[in-house]
Amino acid sequence: MDGVWRFAADYSAAGHAERWWSAELPGTVDMPVPASYNDLLPDERLRDHVGLVWYQTHARPPRSWEGRRIVLRFDGAAHDATVWVGDTIAARHTGGFLPFEVDVTDLLACGERNRITVALSNELSFSSMPPGRSHRTPAGTVSQALTADYFNYTGLHRHVWLYATPADHIEDVAVRTRLDGSTGLIDYDVTISGSAEVSVRLRDAQGGHVSSAVGAASTLEVPEAHLWEPGAGYLYRLEVEYGQDIYEVPVGIRTIEVDGRRFLINGKPFTFKGVGRHEDSPIRGRGHDDALMVHDFALLDWLGANSLRTTHYPYPEEALDYADRHGVVVIDETAAGMVNLAMDFGPRTGPPPETFGPEGFGAEARDACVRAARELIERDRNHPSVVMWCLSNEPDSAADGAREFLAPIVAEARALDPTRPVCFTNVFLAPPERDRITDLFDMVCLNRYQGWYVNGGDLASAELELRAELDRWAERYDKPILITECGADSLAGLHETAPTMWTEEYQSAVIAMVARVAEQHDAVAGQHVWSFADFLTRQEVIRPGGNLKGLFTRDRKPKAAAFDLRRRWIES
């Protein structure tokens, strides 16, 4: 159902009182789906609007769908959505980066024109994911910001679908893979709407028959299995049949293990070489675009990167499908960050507010984080490219209450998926002497900006401090250390013979310094650079046009650091 929908911003919050869903939307403009609405029109008021917006379209399902189950699915609606079919509320959902769907069989008339309306709110709170806060400005408007450092794009960001299945249908398929010598084992579990027989067939990449079974849960054996490997995304195809319903699941056979200070894929040590990347581009904002996705993955390959982290929210399923096919290793991150009030660098008097508690992140926020982890794992557990769950980005892990807040999230993730490690990314305010939660996780993941936010302009001191801190982490924990963020802002085209802050040369020097330290430390399992490309943030004096730590500009032009990193990663 992608295309141009009708759109109206609800500046006066009148939509519910006036029942906008019950007729054609008033005062509409054209709005493409999928896309963020913020940058599509030259309208400052719309760009920074806090509150409701409305989308509307029409669908005419074919008469051949009569007697079938009809489903309306949204792959991503940021952030709080209410959906009407005709005059009836069909669904409500909170969370803009994961899908939701609803059975609309009894709400749609096949062969007729059906009105579909969506109300979206971008208002944030400490219990929304992502979290944020708002305030009223002296001019009387409402301003808000995420606690994290990226712009709060809003809209129907991902595909919208209307599809049909048989009345008796497959509801879910879960697969797990393991190895017994050279034999691959695929444990599968199928959830169905009724009680008829389920049959499964496994085919290789060429379509040849490999194995089959009958029953909703069983194990398939694959002698001399062709493994899914980093850089070589071999996929089998699991065909699940239940009555008239058939569903396919690509399956990559591989194992993941953390062994002391080693991260193992298929029993072999893996070194992360990659980036953090935002879904962010001019005009479309955070709206998914297949062409941009393919281009970004091609640039990652050009860099020599083997991995990425879905910073700071789940990616669309198309991106994980691509990573599966091409052997790109993914750290999959929830939208539950940044749960941290100590990182608020804005003007204030007195001590920083307490992160965890009644004035900050409480039980409601914790439950939202648990729910975000559950929804992420249930959606992405079948992707072989996903090797680790990142459950929080830069939480206040040195604060009172941090352990009580994070422990239930970790427990939920481990219960849902005991096959993958879990991690969080540690911020510089919580060194090993102050951090309270790292023992709950499988990796030590550090976001470190020595040479930029710390020891800016003094790379010699930055290197000494980074080496010393890595030694302290390694002494405390016998776990792999991953530098999950490092880097510096650079203005594209700014050059100096001596590397100075904001030049392309200085950005290259910072990244090279961290790479050198990482490669020389036996506990470090790799480096992820922040970030893949420049991206938009809220307006701040330290953000000229956004966060400029990208290896590429926002329109994907390489900076000097991209060429330097390519030489390092391709040659190594």
Protein backbone atom coordinates (compact mmCIF):
# COMPACT_ATOMS: atom_id res chain seq x y z
CA MET A 1 0.00 0.00 0.00
CA ASP A 2 3.00 2.28 -0.49
CA GLY A 3 2.41 5.43 -2.48
CA VAL A 4 1.04 8.91 -1.97
CA TRP A 5 -1.42 9.15 0.92
CA ARG A 6 -3.42 12.17 2.10
CA PHE A 7 -1.95 13.93 5.13
CA ALA A 8 -2.92 16.57 7.68
CA ALA A 9 -1.07 17.94 10.70
CA ASP A 10 -3.36 18.29 13.71
CA TYR A 11 -1.96 21.58 15.05
CA SER A 12 -5.04 22.32 17.15
CA ALA A 13 -5.47 18.72 18.41
CA ALA A 14 -8.99 18.71 16.99
CA GLY A 15 -8.86 15.43 15.06
CA HIS A 16 -10.32 13.16 17.72
CA ALA A 17 -13.05 15.56 18.78
CA GLU A 18 -14.05 16.13 15.15
CA ARG A 19 -13.77 12.42 14.23
CA TRP A 20 -11.40 12.96 11.31
CA TRP A 21 -11.32 9.22 10.62
CA SER A 22 -15.04 9.15 9.77
CA ALA A 23 -14.75 11.09 6.50
CA GLU A 24 -12.21 12.46 4.06
CA LEU A 25 -9.42 14.21 5.98
CA PRO A 26 -9.81 18.01 6.00
CA GLY A 27 -7.15 20.33 4.58
CA THR A 28 -4.85 17.59 3.37
CA VAL A 29 -1.67 17.57 1.33
CA ASP A 30 0.01 14.70 -0.51
CA MET A 31 2.48 12.68 1.55
CA PRO A 32 4.57 9.73 0.31
CA VAL A 33 4.66 6.45 2.21
CA PRO A 34 7.16 5.28 3.32
CA ALA A 35 8.90 8.48 4.40
CA SER A 36 9.30 10.87 7.29
CA TYR A 37 7.10 13.92 6.81
CA ASN A 38 9.43 16.45 8.50
CA ASP A 39 11.64 17.51 5.58
CA LEU A 40 9.32 16.88 2.64
CA LEU A 41 7.62 20.28 2.66
CA PRO A 42 9.24 23.73 3.10
CA ASP A 43 7.30 24.22 6.31
CA GLU A 44 9.13 24.99 9.56
CA ARG A 45 5.98 24.52 11.60
CA LEU A 46 5.46 20.99 10.29
CA ARG A 47 9.12 20.06 10.64
CA ASP A 48 9.13 20.71 14.37
CA HIS A 49 5.50 19.81 15.11
CA VAL A 50 4.94 17.93 18.37
CA GLY A 51 1.67 16.06 18.49
CA LEU A 52 -0.69 14.29 16.10
CA VAL A 53 -0.61 13.96 12.34
CA TRP A 54 -3.10 12.04 10.23
CA TYR A 55 -2.67 9.82 7.16
CA GLN A 56 -5.45 8.48 4.98
CA THR A 57 -5.76 6.26 1.93
CA HIS A 58 -8.27 3.84 0.35
CA ALA A 59 -7.98 0.17 -0.49
CA ARG A 60 -10.12 -2.04 -2.71
CA PRO A 61 -9.31 -5.70 -1.96
CA PRO A 62 -10.33 -8.03 -4.81
CA ARG A 63 -13.52 -10.05 -4.55
CA SER A 64 -11.36 -13.19 -4.86
CA TRP A 65 -10.27 -12.51 -1.27
CA GLU A 66 -13.76 -13.18 0.07
CA GLY A 67 -13.64 -16.05 2.56
CA ARG A 68 -9.95 -15.48 3.26
CA ARG A 69 -8.30 -13.85 6.27
CA ILE A 70 -7.26 -10.26 5.42
CA VAL A 71 -4.47 -8.56 7.35
CA LEU A 72 -3.36 -4.92 7.50
CA ARG A 73 0.32 -4.61 8.43
CA PHE A 74 2.52 -1.62 9.23
CA ASP A 75 6.26 -2.26 9.18
CA GLY A 76 6.99 0.95 11.09
CA ALA A 77 4.80 3.83 12.28
CA ALA A 78 6.59 6.36 14.48
CA HIS A 79 5.78 6.42 17.24
CA ASP A 80 2.26 5.99 18.66
CA ALA A 81 -0.30 4.84 16.08
CA THR A 82 -4.07 4.44 16.02
CA VAL A 83 -5.58 2.82 12.91
CA TRP A 84 -9.18 3.01 11.70
CA VAL A 85 -10.78 0.98 8.94
CA GLY A 86 -13.85 2.94 8.00
CA ASP A 87 -15.32 4.20 11.27
CA THR A 88 -13.91 1.39 13.42
CA ILE A 89 -10.65 1.41 15.39
CA ALA A 90 -8.68 -1.56 14.11
CA ALA A 91 -5.38 -1.28 16.01
CA ARG A 92 -3.27 0.72 18.44
CA HIS A 93 0.50 0.36 18.68
CA THR A 94 3.38 2.11 20.40
CA GLY A 95 6.91 1.92 19.01
CA GLY A 96 7.98 3.22 15.63
CA PHE A 97 10.66 0.70 14.63
CA LEU A 98 8.89 -2.65 14.83
CA PRO A 99 5.88 -3.92 12.88
CA PHE A 100 2.32 -4.49 13.95
CA GLU A 101 -0.59 -6.04 12.12
CA VAL A 102 -4.29 -6.63 12.61
CA ASP A 103 -6.90 -8.96 11.18
CA VAL A 104 -9.34 -6.72 9.28
CA THR A 105 -11.39 -9.46 7.63
CA ASP A 106 -14.62 -8.27 9.24
CA LEU A 107 -13.87 -4.58 8.67
CA LEU A 108 -13.20 -4.55 4.91
CA ALA A 109 -15.62 -5.06 2.04
CA CYS A 110 -13.98 -6.97 -0.81
CA GLY A 111 -14.49 -5.32 -4.16
CA GLU A 112 -15.46 -2.06 -2.47
CA ARG A 113 -13.50 1.12 -1.69
CA ASN A 114 -12.45 1.08 1.98
CA ARG A 115 -11.15 4.10 3.89
CA ILE A 116 -8.04 3.56 6.05
CA THR A 117 -6.92 6.30 8.45
CA VAL A 118 -3.90 6.49 10.75
CA ALA A 119 -3.30 8.98 13.55
CA LEU A 120 0.36 9.24 14.58
CA SER A 121 1.81 10.97 17.61
CA ASN A 122 5.51 11.76 18.06
CA GLU A 123 5.21 12.86 21.67
CA LEU A 124 7.90 11.23 23.78
CA SER A 125 8.20 10.40 27.46
CA PHE A 126 10.58 8.46 29.66
CA SER A 127 8.44 5.36 29.07
CA SER A 128 8.36 5.69 25.27
CA MET A 129 10.93 3.94 23.12
CA PRO A 130 12.88 5.96 22.18
CA PRO A 131 12.58 8.02 25.36
CA GLY A 132 12.48 11.79 25.40
CA ARG A 133 11.09 14.84 27.09
CA SER A 134 9.22 17.99 26.13
CA HIS A 135 8.84 21.50 27.46
CA ARG A 136 6.89 24.63 26.64
CA THR A 137 8.99 27.42 25.17
CA PRO A 138 8.67 31.11 26.11
CA ALA A 139 6.91 31.58 22.76
CA GLY A 140 4.21 29.15 23.89
CA THR A 141 5.12 26.28 21.55
CA VAL A 142 6.02 22.74 22.60
CA SER A 143 9.58 21.62 22.03
CA GLN A 144 10.90 18.15 22.69
CA ALA A 145 13.98 16.05 22.16
CA LEU A 146 15.07 12.46 22.48
CA THR A 147 17.52 11.70 25.24
CA ALA A 148 19.61 10.19 22.43
CA ASP A 149 21.50 12.20 19.81
CA TYR A 150 19.39 11.96 16.67
CA PHE A 151 16.46 13.85 15.18
CA ASN A 152 12.98 12.65 16.07
CA TYR A 153 11.77 11.95 12.56
CA THR A 154 8.11 10.96 12.39
CA GLY A 155 5.84 9.27 9.89
CA LEU A 156 4.93 5.99 8.25
CA HIS A 157 8.59 5.12 7.83
CA ARG A 158 8.29 1.64 6.39
CA HIS A 159 6.07 -0.37 4.08
CA VAL A 160 2.34 -0.78 4.65
CA TRP A 161 0.76 -4.04 3.49
CA LEU A 162 -2.69 -5.48 2.90
CA TYR A 163 -2.46 -9.23 2.39
CA ALA A 164 -4.64 -12.32 2.54
CA THR A 165 -4.12 -15.83 3.94
CA PRO A 166 -6.31 -18.88 4.27
CA ALA A 167 -8.57 -18.84 7.33
CA ASP A 168 -6.45 -21.66 8.78
CA HIS A 169 -2.94 -20.23 8.57
CA ILE A 170 0.61 -20.29 9.82
CA GLU A 171 1.02 -17.76 12.64
CA ASP A 172 4.72 -18.00 13.41
CA VAL A 173 7.88 -19.95 12.60
CA ALA A 174 10.97 -20.03 14.82
CA VAL A 175 14.24 -21.71 13.88
CA ARG A 176 17.49 -22.34 15.75
CA THR A 177 20.61 -23.91 14.31
CA ARG A 178 23.49 -25.86 15.82
CA LEU A 179 26.23 -28.21 14.72
CA ASP A 180 27.10 -31.81 15.50
CA GLY A 181 30.46 -32.18 13.80
CA SER A 182 29.84 -31.44 10.13
CA THR A 183 26.09 -32.10 10.46
CA GLY A 184 23.84 -29.08 10.76
CA LEU A 185 20.83 -29.33 13.02
CA ILE A 186 17.81 -27.06 12.49
CA ASP A 187 15.32 -26.98 15.32
CA TYR A 188 12.03 -25.50 14.15
CA ASP A 189 8.78 -24.62 15.91
CA VAL A 190 5.63 -23.68 13.97
CA THR A 191 2.60 -21.97 15.49
CA ILE A 192 -0.67 -22.48 13.61
CA SER A 193 -4.24 -21.26 13.96
CA GLY A 194 -5.78 -24.74 14.06
CA SER A 195 -4.81 -28.36 14.55
CA ALA A 196 -4.16 -29.81 11.09
CA GLU A 197 -0.88 -31.44 10.12
CA VAL A 198 2.22 -29.35 9.44
CA SER A 199 4.86 -30.51 6.98
CA VAL A 200 8.24 -28.91 6.31
CA ARG A 201 10.81 -29.28 3.56
CA LEU A 202 14.36 -27.97 3.54
CA ARG A 203 15.96 -27.02 0.23
CA ASP A 204 19.49 -25.88 -0.52
CA ALA A 205 20.39 -22.64 -2.27
CA GLN A 206 19.85 -24.26 -5.68
CA GLY A 207 16.42 -25.60 -4.73
CA GLY A 208 17.50 -29.19 -4.20
CA HIS A 209 15.75 -31.27 -1.54
CA VAL A 210 17.80 -31.71 1.64
CA SER A 211 15.47 -32.89 4.38
CA SER A 212 11.80 -33.01 5.41
CA ALA A 213 9.67 -33.66 8.45
CA VAL A 214 6.07 -33.79 9.63
CA GLY A 215 4.87 -32.01 12.76
CA ALA A 216 4.76 -28.52 14.21
CA ALA A 217 8.11 -28.95 16.00
CA SER A 218 11.07 -31.14 15.14
CA THR A 219 14.74 -31.17 14.16
CA LEU A 220 16.10 -31.43 10.63
CA GLU A 221 19.51 -32.93 9.99
CA VAL A 222 21.76 -31.53 7.25
CA PRO A 223 24.79 -33.76 6.60
CA GLU A 224 27.93 -31.87 5.52
CA ALA A 225 26.11 -28.62 6.07
CA HIS A 226 27.10 -25.57 4.06
CA LEU A 227 27.57 -23.00 6.81
CA TRP A 228 26.55 -19.38 6.90
CA GLU A 229 29.80 -17.45 7.30
CA PRO A 230 30.77 -13.78 7.59
CA GLY A 231 31.19 -12.61 4.01
CA ALA A 232 29.49 -15.72 2.62
CA GLY A 233 25.80 -15.73 3.44
CA TYR A 234 24.76 -19.22 2.36
CA LEU A 235 21.04 -19.77 2.95
CA TYR A 236 18.87 -22.86 2.91
CA ARG A 237 15.12 -22.48 2.38
CA LEU A 238 12.66 -23.91 4.89
CA GLU A 239 9.22 -24.41 3.32
CA VAL A 240 6.42 -24.77 5.88
CA GLU A 241 3.06 -26.08 4.65
CA TYR A 242 -0.17 -26.12 6.61
CA GLY A 243 -3.34 -26.79 4.67
CA GLN A 244 -3.53 -24.19 1.93
CA ASP A 245 -0.93 -21.93 3.58
CA ILE A 246 2.76 -22.11 2.62
CA TYR A 247 5.48 -19.95 4.17
CA GLU A 248 9.21 -19.81 3.42
CA VAL A 249 11.98 -19.01 5.89
CA PRO A 250 15.60 -18.52 4.77
CA VAL A 251 17.87 -20.43 7.16
CA GLY A 252 21.57 -19.91 7.72
CA ILE A 253 23.27 -22.69 9.67
CA ARG A 254 25.85 -21.23 12.04
CA THR A 255 26.80 -21.08 15.72
CA ILE A 256 27.67 -18.15 17.98
CA GLU A 257 29.71 -18.40 21.17
CA VAL A 258 31.66 -16.19 23.53
CA ASP A 259 34.69 -18.10 24.82
CA GLY A 260 36.75 -16.09 27.28
CA ARG A 261 37.99 -13.09 25.32
CA ARG A 262 37.06 -14.56 21.94
CA PHE A 263 33.87 -14.03 19.94
CA LEU A 264 33.36 -17.21 17.89
CA ILE A 265 31.27 -17.74 14.76
CA ASN A 266 31.20 -21.42 13.79
CA GLY A 267 33.95 -22.02 16.32
CA LYS A 268 36.33 -19.52 14.69
CA PRO A 269 37.42 -16.20 16.23
CA PHE A 270 35.70 -13.21 14.64
CA THR A 271 37.05 -9.65 14.68
CA PHE A 272 34.45 -6.93 14.22
CA LYS A 273 35.31 -4.31 11.59
CA GLY A 274 32.35 -2.08 11.06
CA VAL A 275 30.23 0.94 11.82
CA GLY A 276 27.17 2.27 13.52
CA ARG A 277 24.67 3.61 11.02
CA HIS A 278 21.50 5.67 11.22
CA GLU A 279 18.54 5.34 8.91
CA ASP A 280 18.90 8.96 7.85
CA SER A 281 19.10 10.76 4.53
CA PRO A 282 18.07 14.08 3.02
CA ILE A 283 14.40 14.60 2.13
CA ARG A 284 13.09 11.16 3.15
CA GLY A 285 14.51 11.37 6.70
CA ARG A 286 14.14 7.95 8.27
CA GLY A 287 11.86 6.58 5.58
CA HIS A 288 12.97 3.22 4.20
CA ASP A 289 14.26 3.21 0.65
CA ASP A 290 15.52 0.03 -1.03
CA ALA A 291 17.85 1.93 -3.36
CA LEU A 292 19.51 3.79 -0.49
CA MET A 293 19.78 0.57 1.53
CA VAL A 294 21.56 -1.28 -1.27
CA HIS A 295 23.85 1.68 -1.85
CA ASP A 296 24.78 1.88 1.84
CA PHE A 297 25.57 -1.83 2.01
CA ALA A 298 27.67 -1.47 -1.15
CA LEU A 299 29.63 1.34 0.54
CA LEU A 300 30.15 -0.86 3.60
CA ASP A 301 31.57 -3.53 1.32
CA TRP A 302 33.79 -0.92 -0.37
CA LEU A 303 35.12 0.03 3.08
CA GLY A 304 35.99 -3.58 3.84
CA ALA A 305 33.56 -3.66 6.77
CA ASN A 306 32.24 -7.03 7.91
CA SER A 307 29.65 -5.89 10.46
CA LEU A 308 27.34 -3.14 11.65
CA ARG A 309 25.22 -2.22 14.63
CA THR A 310 21.62 -1.09 14.11
CA THR A 311 22.07 2.18 15.95
CA HIS A 312 19.88 3.06 17.79
CA TYR A 313 16.79 1.04 16.92
CA PRO A 314 15.76 -2.04 14.93
CA TYR A 315 16.32 -1.82 11.19
CA PRO A 316 13.62 -2.79 8.67
CA GLU A 317 13.47 -6.47 7.84
CA GLU A 318 14.69 -5.78 4.29
CA ALA A 319 18.06 -4.70 5.72
CA LEU A 320 18.42 -7.90 7.75
CA ASP A 321 17.40 -9.98 4.73
CA TYR A 322 20.18 -8.27 2.78
CA ALA A 323 22.69 -8.92 5.57
CA ASP A 324 21.61 -12.58 5.65
CA ARG A 325 22.21 -13.00 1.91
CA HIS A 326 25.58 -11.24 1.90
CA GLY A 327 27.12 -12.47 5.14
CA VAL A 328 27.12 -9.13 6.95
CA VAL A 329 27.34 -9.57 10.72
CA VAL A 330 24.74 -7.54 12.66
CA ILE A 331 24.48 -6.41 16.27
CA ASP A 332 20.73 -5.83 16.61
CA GLU A 333 19.80 -2.97 18.94
CA THR A 334 16.52 -2.06 20.59
CA ALA A 335 15.13 1.47 20.64
CA ALA A 336 15.51 1.49 24.45
CA GLY A 337 18.19 4.14 24.77
CA MET A 338 19.46 6.41 25.99
CA VAL A 339 18.17 5.64 29.50
CA ASN A 340 20.45 8.24 31.01
CA LEU A 341 19.86 11.66 32.55
CA ALA A 342 23.50 12.16 33.55
CA MET A 343 24.23 12.73 29.85
CA ASP A 344 22.01 15.81 29.64
CA PHE A 345 24.56 18.51 28.85
CA GLY A 346 21.99 21.28 28.49
CA PRO A 347 21.80 24.29 30.82
CA ARG A 348 20.88 23.46 34.39
CA THR A 349 21.64 24.43 37.96
CA GLY A 350 22.41 22.01 40.73
CA PRO A 351 23.28 18.32 40.47
CA PRO A 352 22.07 16.17 37.58
CA PRO A 353 18.69 14.50 38.12
CA GLU A 354 18.59 10.87 39.18
CA THR A 355 18.19 8.60 36.15
CA PHE A 356 16.28 5.82 37.87
CA GLY A 357 13.34 6.58 40.10
CA PRO A 358 10.02 8.42 40.22
CA GLU A 359 11.39 11.58 38.55
CA GLY A 360 13.24 9.65 35.87
CA PHE A 361 13.01 6.15 34.45
CA GLY A 362 10.76 4.05 36.64
CA ALA A 363 8.83 0.80 36.48
CA GLU A 364 6.77 1.86 33.46
CA ALA A 365 9.92 2.67 31.50
CA ARG A 366 11.53 -0.62 32.53
CA ASP A 367 8.48 -2.56 31.36
CA ALA A 368 8.61 -0.69 28.04
CA CYS A 369 12.27 -1.71 27.64
CA VAL A 370 11.41 -5.35 28.38
CA ARG A 371 8.62 -5.19 25.81
CA ALA A 372 10.96 -3.60 23.25
CA ALA A 373 13.47 -6.42 23.73
CA ARG A 374 10.73 -9.04 23.39
CA GLU A 375 9.32 -7.56 20.19
CA LEU A 376 12.80 -7.23 18.66
CA ILE A 377 13.80 -10.82 19.39
CA GLU A 378 10.48 -12.27 18.26
CA ARG A 379 10.81 -10.47 14.94
CA ASP A 380 14.54 -11.02 14.22
CA ARG A 381 15.43 -14.36 15.85
CA ASN A 382 15.47 -16.24 12.52
CA HIS A 383 18.13 -14.03 10.90
CA PRO A 384 21.57 -15.70 10.83
CA SER A 385 23.22 -12.30 10.34
CA VAL A 386 22.09 -11.24 13.83
CA VAL A 387 24.80 -12.45 16.20
CA MET A 388 24.08 -10.39 19.33
CA TRP A 389 21.29 -8.40 20.97
CA CYS A 390 22.19 -4.89 22.15
CA LEU A 391 19.66 -4.15 24.87
CA SER A 392 20.54 -0.53 25.64
CA ASN A 393 22.73 2.25 24.27
CA GLU A 394 24.65 4.25 26.88
CA PRO A 395 22.39 3.72 29.90
CA ASP A 396 23.40 5.35 33.17
CA SER A 397 25.14 2.18 34.31
CA ALA A 398 26.95 3.91 37.19
CA ALA A 399 23.74 5.13 38.82
CA ASP A 400 21.80 3.78 41.77
CA GLY A 401 19.05 1.57 40.40
CA ALA A 402 20.83 0.68 37.15
CA ARG A 403 21.10 -3.00 37.98
CA GLU A 404 17.48 -3.27 39.06
CA PHE A 405 16.39 -1.57 35.85
CA LEU A 406 18.54 -3.55 33.38
CA ALA A 407 18.47 -7.04 34.94
CA PRO A 408 14.84 -7.85 33.94
CA ILE A 409 15.59 -6.80 30.35
CA VAL A 410 18.58 -9.15 30.24
CA ALA A 411 16.54 -11.98 31.76
CA GLU A 412 13.80 -11.54 29.14
CA ALA A 413 16.31 -11.61 26.27
CA ARG A 414 18.08 -14.72 27.56
CA ALA A 415 14.78 -16.54 28.10
CA LEU A 416 13.59 -15.76 24.58
CA ASP A 417 16.91 -16.57 22.88
CA PRO A 418 19.60 -18.49 24.78
CA THR A 419 21.63 -18.94 21.56
CA ARG A 420 22.90 -15.36 21.18
CA PRO A 421 25.04 -13.19 23.47
CA VAL A 422 23.63 -9.96 24.88
CA CYS A 423 25.37 -6.63 25.32
CA PHE A 424 24.88 -2.96 26.06
CA THR A 425 27.09 -0.04 25.10
CA ASN A 426 28.90 1.62 27.98
CA VAL A 427 29.35 5.40 28.12
CA PHE A 428 32.53 7.10 29.35
CA LEU A 429 30.85 8.28 32.59
CA ALA A 430 30.80 4.63 33.77
CA PRO A 431 34.39 3.28 33.72
CA PRO A 432 34.98 -0.17 35.22
CA GLU A 433 35.32 1.24 38.72
CA ARG A 434 31.84 2.79 38.59
CA ASP A 435 29.85 0.53 36.26
CA ARG A 436 27.30 -1.70 38.01
CA ILE A 437 25.91 -3.98 35.30
CA THR A 438 28.58 -5.34 32.92
CA ASP A 439 28.72 -8.71 34.70
CA LEU A 440 25.13 -9.31 33.49
CA PHE A 441 26.28 -9.25 29.85
CA ASP A 442 28.53 -11.33 27.59
CA MET A 443 30.69 -8.57 26.12
CA VAL A 444 32.28 -5.34 27.23
CA CYS A 445 31.09 -2.82 24.62
CA LEU A 446 32.59 0.65 24.92
CA ASN A 447 31.55 3.90 23.25
CA ARG A 448 34.77 5.89 23.60
CA TYR A 449 35.63 9.30 22.21
CA GLN A 450 39.16 9.91 23.45
CA GLY A 451 40.54 12.59 21.16
CA TRP A 452 37.15 14.29 20.78
CA TYR A 453 34.94 14.72 23.85
CA VAL A 454 37.87 13.67 26.04
CA ASN A 455 41.39 15.03 25.37
CA GLY A 456 40.13 16.87 22.31
CA GLY A 457 43.09 17.91 20.16
CA ASP A 458 45.58 15.92 22.26
CA LEU A 459 45.90 12.52 20.62
CA ALA A 460 48.96 11.48 22.60
CA SER A 461 47.09 11.83 25.90
CA ALA A 462 43.96 10.32 24.37
CA GLU A 463 45.87 7.20 23.36
CA LEU A 464 47.44 6.77 26.80
CA GLU A 465 44.06 7.10 28.52
CA LEU A 466 42.36 4.66 26.14
CA ARG A 467 45.07 2.05 26.62
CA ALA A 468 44.90 2.43 30.38
CA GLU A 469 41.12 2.07 30.49
CA LEU A 470 41.15 -1.02 28.26
CA ASP A 471 43.67 -2.58 30.63
CA ARG A 472 41.37 -1.91 33.59
CA TRP A 473 38.37 -3.48 31.82
CA ALA A 474 40.42 -6.52 30.82
CA GLU A 475 41.68 -6.94 34.37
CA ARG A 476 38.16 -6.90 35.77
CA TYR A 477 36.36 -9.06 33.16
CA ASP A 478 37.48 -12.09 31.18
CA LYS A 479 35.25 -11.10 28.28
CA PRO A 480 35.78 -9.79 24.74
CA ILE A 481 35.97 -6.01 24.53
CA LEU A 482 34.42 -4.32 21.51
CA ILE A 483 34.88 -0.64 20.72
CA THR A 484 31.29 -0.02 19.61
CA GLU A 485 31.75 3.71 18.95
CA CYS A 486 34.76 5.93 18.32
CA GLY A 487 35.50 8.85 16.07
CA ALA A 488 35.41 12.61 15.63
CA ASP A 489 33.34 15.20 13.80
CA SER A 490 34.74 16.57 10.56
CA LEU A 491 33.55 19.24 8.17
CA ALA A 492 33.82 17.79 4.68
CA GLY A 493 36.41 19.78 2.74
CA LEU A 494 38.14 21.28 5.79
CA HIS A 495 41.85 20.43 5.60
CA GLU A 496 45.04 21.37 7.45
CA THR A 497 48.60 20.14 7.07
CA ALA A 498 48.67 19.50 10.82
CA PRO A 499 45.58 17.53 11.95
CA THR A 500 43.36 19.83 14.01
CA MET A 501 39.87 19.30 15.32
CA TRP A 502 37.04 19.38 12.74
CA THR A 503 39.40 18.69 9.82
CA GLU A 504 39.16 15.51 7.77
CA GLU A 505 42.78 14.76 8.71
CA TYR A 506 42.01 14.88 12.44
CA GLN A 507 39.04 12.56 12.08
CA SER A 508 41.29 10.08 10.27
CA ALA A 509 43.94 10.39 12.97
CA VAL A 510 41.47 9.69 15.79
CA ILE A 511 40.06 6.59 14.08
CA ALA A 512 43.57 5.34 13.27
CA MET A 513 44.66 5.85 16.89
CA VAL A 514 41.75 3.78 18.21
CA ALA A 515 42.37 1.08 15.59
CA ARG A 516 46.03 0.89 16.58
CA VAL A 517 45.18 0.55 20.27
CA ALA A 518 42.48 -2.04 19.56
CA GLU A 519 44.70 -4.17 17.34
CA GLN A 520 47.46 -4.24 19.97
CA HIS A 521 45.21 -5.30 22.87
CA ASP A 522 44.56 -9.03 23.16
CA ALA A 523 41.16 -8.55 24.83
CA VAL A 524 39.71 -6.36 22.08
CA ALA A 525 37.54 -8.17 19.53
CA GLY A 526 37.21 -5.31 17.09
CA GLN A 527 36.22 -1.74 16.34
CA HIS A 528 33.03 -0.08 15.13
CA VAL A 529 33.43 3.50 13.95
CA TRP A 530 30.83 6.14 14.67
CA SER A 531 29.39 6.72 12.26
CA PHE A 532 28.74 5.48 8.74
CA ALA A 533 27.38 8.83 7.48
CA ASP A 534 26.59 12.26 8.88
CA PHE A 535 23.05 12.47 10.25
CA LEU A 536 20.56 15.03 11.47
CA THR A 537 20.16 15.84 15.18
CA ARG A 538 18.21 18.38 17.15
CA GLN A 539 19.53 21.92 16.85
CA GLU A 540 22.56 22.48 19.12
CA VAL A 541 25.63 24.70 19.06
CA ILE A 542 27.86 21.61 18.77
CA ARG A 543 25.87 20.21 15.84
CA PRO A 544 26.38 22.36 12.71
CA GLY A 545 23.92 20.68 10.38
CA GLY A 546 23.79 17.58 12.55
CA ASN A 547 26.29 15.04 13.83
CA LEU A 548 29.27 15.12 11.45
CA LYS A 549 31.15 12.03 12.59
CA GLY A 550 30.30 10.21 9.38
CA LEU A 551 32.86 8.47 7.22
CA PHE A 552 30.56 9.72 4.47
CA THR A 553 28.61 12.93 4.21
CA ARG A 554 24.86 12.77 4.62
CA ASP A 555 24.52 12.41 0.83
CA ARG A 556 27.09 9.56 0.88
CA LYS A 557 30.23 11.32 -0.40
CA PRO A 558 33.38 9.81 1.19
CA LYS A 559 35.60 11.79 3.54
CA ALA A 560 39.32 11.16 3.93
CA ALA A 561 38.68 8.80 6.87
CA ALA A 562 36.70 6.49 4.59
CA PHE A 563 39.70 6.03 2.30
CA ASP A 564 42.05 5.54 5.24
CA LEU A 565 39.78 2.97 6.84
CA ARG A 566 39.35 1.15 3.52
CA ARG A 567 43.12 0.79 3.25
CA ARG A 568 43.32 -0.54 6.79
CA TRP A 569 40.43 -2.99 6.52
CA ILE A 570 40.99 -4.19 2.97
CA GLU A 571 44.73 -4.70 3.49
CA SER A 572 44.27 -6.41 6.86
